[in-house]
C-alpha atoms as a PDB file:
ATOM      1  CA  MET A   1       0.113   0.119  -0.091  1.00  0.00           C
ATOM      2  CA  ALA A   2       3.090   2.608   0.408  1.00  0.00           C
ATOM      3  CA  HIS A   3       3.700   2.327  -3.316  1.00  0.00           C
ATOM      4  CA  ARG A   4       0.325   2.893  -3.803  1.00  0.00           C
ATOM      5  CA  HIS A   5       0.811   6.019  -1.886  1.00  0.00           C
ATOM      6  CA  GLU A   6       3.975   7.318  -3.334  1.00  0.00           C
ATOM      7  CA  ALA A   7       2.446   6.644  -6.665  1.00  0.00           C
ATOM      8  CA  PHE A   8      -0.273   9.294  -5.913  1.00  0.00           C
ATOM      9  CA  ALA A   9       1.958  11.726  -4.216  1.00  0.00           C
ATOM     10  CA  SER A  10       2.433  13.011  -7.742  1.00  0.00           C
ATOM     11  CA  PRO A  11       0.788  15.985  -9.006  1.00  0.00           C
ATOM     12  CA  PHE A  12       0.245  14.175 -12.161  1.00  0.00           C
ATOM     13  CA  ALA A  13      -1.135  11.083 -10.732  1.00  0.00           C
ATOM     14  CA  GLN A  14      -4.727  11.914 -11.812  1.00  0.00           C
ATOM     15  CA  LEU A  15      -3.890  12.459 -15.312  1.00  0.00           C
ATOM     16  CA  ILE A  16      -1.857   9.359 -15.653  1.00  0.00           C
ATOM     17  CA  ASP A  17      -4.350   7.106 -13.984  1.00  0.00           C
ATOM     18  CA  PRO A  18      -7.665   8.806 -13.160  1.00  0.00           C
ATOM     19  CA  ALA A  19      -9.749   5.635 -12.057  1.00  0.00           C
ATOM     20  CA  ALA A  20      -7.137   4.619  -9.755  1.00  0.00           C
ATOM     21  CA  PHE A  21      -6.536   7.888  -8.283  1.00  0.00           C
ATOM     22  CA  SER A  22     -10.384   8.609  -7.685  1.00  0.00           C
ATOM     23  CA  ALA A  23     -10.624   5.043  -6.321  1.00  0.00           C
ATOM     24  CA  ALA A  24      -7.727   5.865  -3.909  1.00  0.00           C
ATOM     25  CA  VAL A  25      -9.310   9.142  -3.316  1.00  0.00           C
ATOM     26  CA  ALA A  26     -12.689   7.239  -2.386  1.00  0.00           C
ATOM     27  CA  HIS A  27     -10.994   4.925   0.001  1.00  0.00           C
ATOM     28  CA  SER A  28      -8.672   6.896   1.419  1.00  0.00           C
ATOM     29  CA  GLU A  29      -8.800   7.203   5.539  1.00  0.00           C
ATOM     30  CA  ARG A  30      -7.075  10.260   6.236  1.00  0.00           C
ATOM     31  CA  LEU A  31      -9.459  11.951   3.810  1.00  0.00           C
ATOM     32  CA  ALA A  32     -12.224  10.323   5.628  1.00  0.00           C
ATOM     33  CA  ARG A  33     -11.457  11.652   8.955  1.00  0.00           C
ATOM     34  CA  LEU A  34     -11.349  15.381   7.600  1.00  0.00           C
ATOM     35  CA  LYS A  35     -14.232  17.671   8.774  1.00  0.00           C
ATOM     36  CA  SER A  36     -16.055  18.888   5.856  1.00  0.00           C
ATOM     37  CA  ARG A  37     -19.570  20.717   5.388  1.00  0.00           C
ATOM     38  CA  VAL A  38     -21.296  21.608   2.139  1.00  0.00           C
ATOM     39  CA  CYS A  39     -21.349  25.273   1.240  1.00  0.00           C
ATOM     40  CA  ARG A  40     -23.807  26.492  -1.057  1.00  0.00           C
ATOM     41  CA  PRO A  41     -23.534  30.359  -0.985  1.00  0.00           C
ATOM     42  CA  LEU A  42     -26.081  30.916  -3.588  1.00  0.00           C
ATOM     43  CA  ASP A  43     -29.052  29.315  -1.673  1.00  0.00           C
ATOM     44  CA  LYS A  44     -29.706  31.624   0.640  1.00  0.00           C
ATOM     45  CA  PRO A  45     -27.816  35.265   0.833  1.00  0.00           C
ATOM     46  CA  LEU A  46     -26.502  35.953   4.023  1.00  0.00           C
ATOM     47  CA  ILE A  47     -25.994  39.856   3.546  1.00  0.00           C
ATOM     48  CA  PRO A  48     -29.487  41.209   1.993  1.00  0.00           C
ATOM     49  CA  LEU A  49     -29.623  43.499  -0.707  1.00  0.00           C
ATOM     50  CA  VAL A  50     -30.774  46.739   0.831  1.00  0.00           C
ATOM     51  CA  ARG A  51     -31.423  49.577  -1.694  1.00  0.00           C
ATOM     52  CA  ASN A  52     -31.940  53.489  -0.517  1.00  0.00           C
ATOM     53  CA  ALA A  53     -32.966  56.119  -2.002  1.00  0.00           C
ATOM     54  CA  GLU A  54     -29.536  57.804  -2.661  1.00  0.00           C
ATOM     55  CA  GLN A  55     -28.374  54.476  -4.021  1.00  0.00           C
ATOM     56  CA  GLU A  56     -31.562  54.442  -6.617  1.00  0.00           C
ATOM     57  CA  ARG A  57     -31.027  57.999  -7.615  1.00  0.00           C
ATOM     58  CA  PHE A  58     -27.290  57.275  -8.568  1.00  0.00           C
ATOM     59  CA  ASP A  59     -28.464  54.167 -10.556  1.00  0.00           C
ATOM     60  CA  ARG A  60     -30.773  55.825 -12.329  1.00  0.00           C
ATOM     61  CA  GLU A  61     -28.435  59.190 -13.229  1.00  0.00           C
ATOM     62  CA  VAL A  62     -25.812  56.289 -14.700  1.00  0.00           C
ATOM     63  CA  GLU A  63     -28.339  54.734 -16.849  1.00  0.00           C
ATOM     64  CA  HIS A  64     -29.423  57.978 -17.888  1.00  0.00           C
ATOM     65  CA  ALA A  65     -26.125  58.897 -19.074  1.00  0.00           C
ATOM     66  CA  ARG A  66     -25.450  55.479 -20.800  1.00  0.00           C
ATOM     67  CA  SER A  67     -28.712  55.945 -22.797  1.00  0.00           C
ATOM     68  CA  ARG A  68     -27.803  59.774 -23.368  1.00  0.00           C
ATOM     69  CA  ASP A  69     -24.285  58.732 -24.655  1.00  0.00           C
ATOM     70  CA  LEU A  70     -25.461  56.029 -26.805  1.00  0.00           C
ATOM     71  CA  ALA A  71     -27.922  58.611 -28.435  1.00  0.00           C
ATOM     72  CA  ALA A  72     -25.552  60.827 -29.191  1.00  0.00           C
ATOM     73  CA  GLU A  73     -22.851  58.119 -30.631  1.00  0.00           C
ATOM     74  CA  LEU A  74     -26.082  56.884 -32.736  1.00  0.00           C
ATOM     75  CA  ALA A  75     -26.856  60.210 -34.051  1.00  0.00           C
ATOM     76  CA  PHE A  76     -23.054  61.211 -34.768  1.00  0.00           C
ATOM     77  CA  ALA A  77     -22.968  57.575 -36.482  1.00  0.00           C
ATOM     78  CA  ASP A  78     -25.965  58.561 -38.739  1.00  0.00           C
ATOM     79  CA  THR A  79     -24.443  61.865 -39.965  1.00  0.00           C
ATOM     80  CA  HIS A  80     -21.000  60.244 -40.956  1.00  0.00           C
END
């Protein structure tokens, strides 16, 4: 078994023999002893999205400026 451990000490072991590497990981006692938990950060946001009036005003100004710039670019393109 020591030889098997040495073979998978190489960072390229998964590329050379992916099936054996996966089996070794699945049956590893050391990995089984690690504490783990499943994290799904997109399931439930911990930081709520809070929008305030100032932020809404700023967003509207930015969108208006983009629309105005795009209209000016299109008008310029039509004349040239």
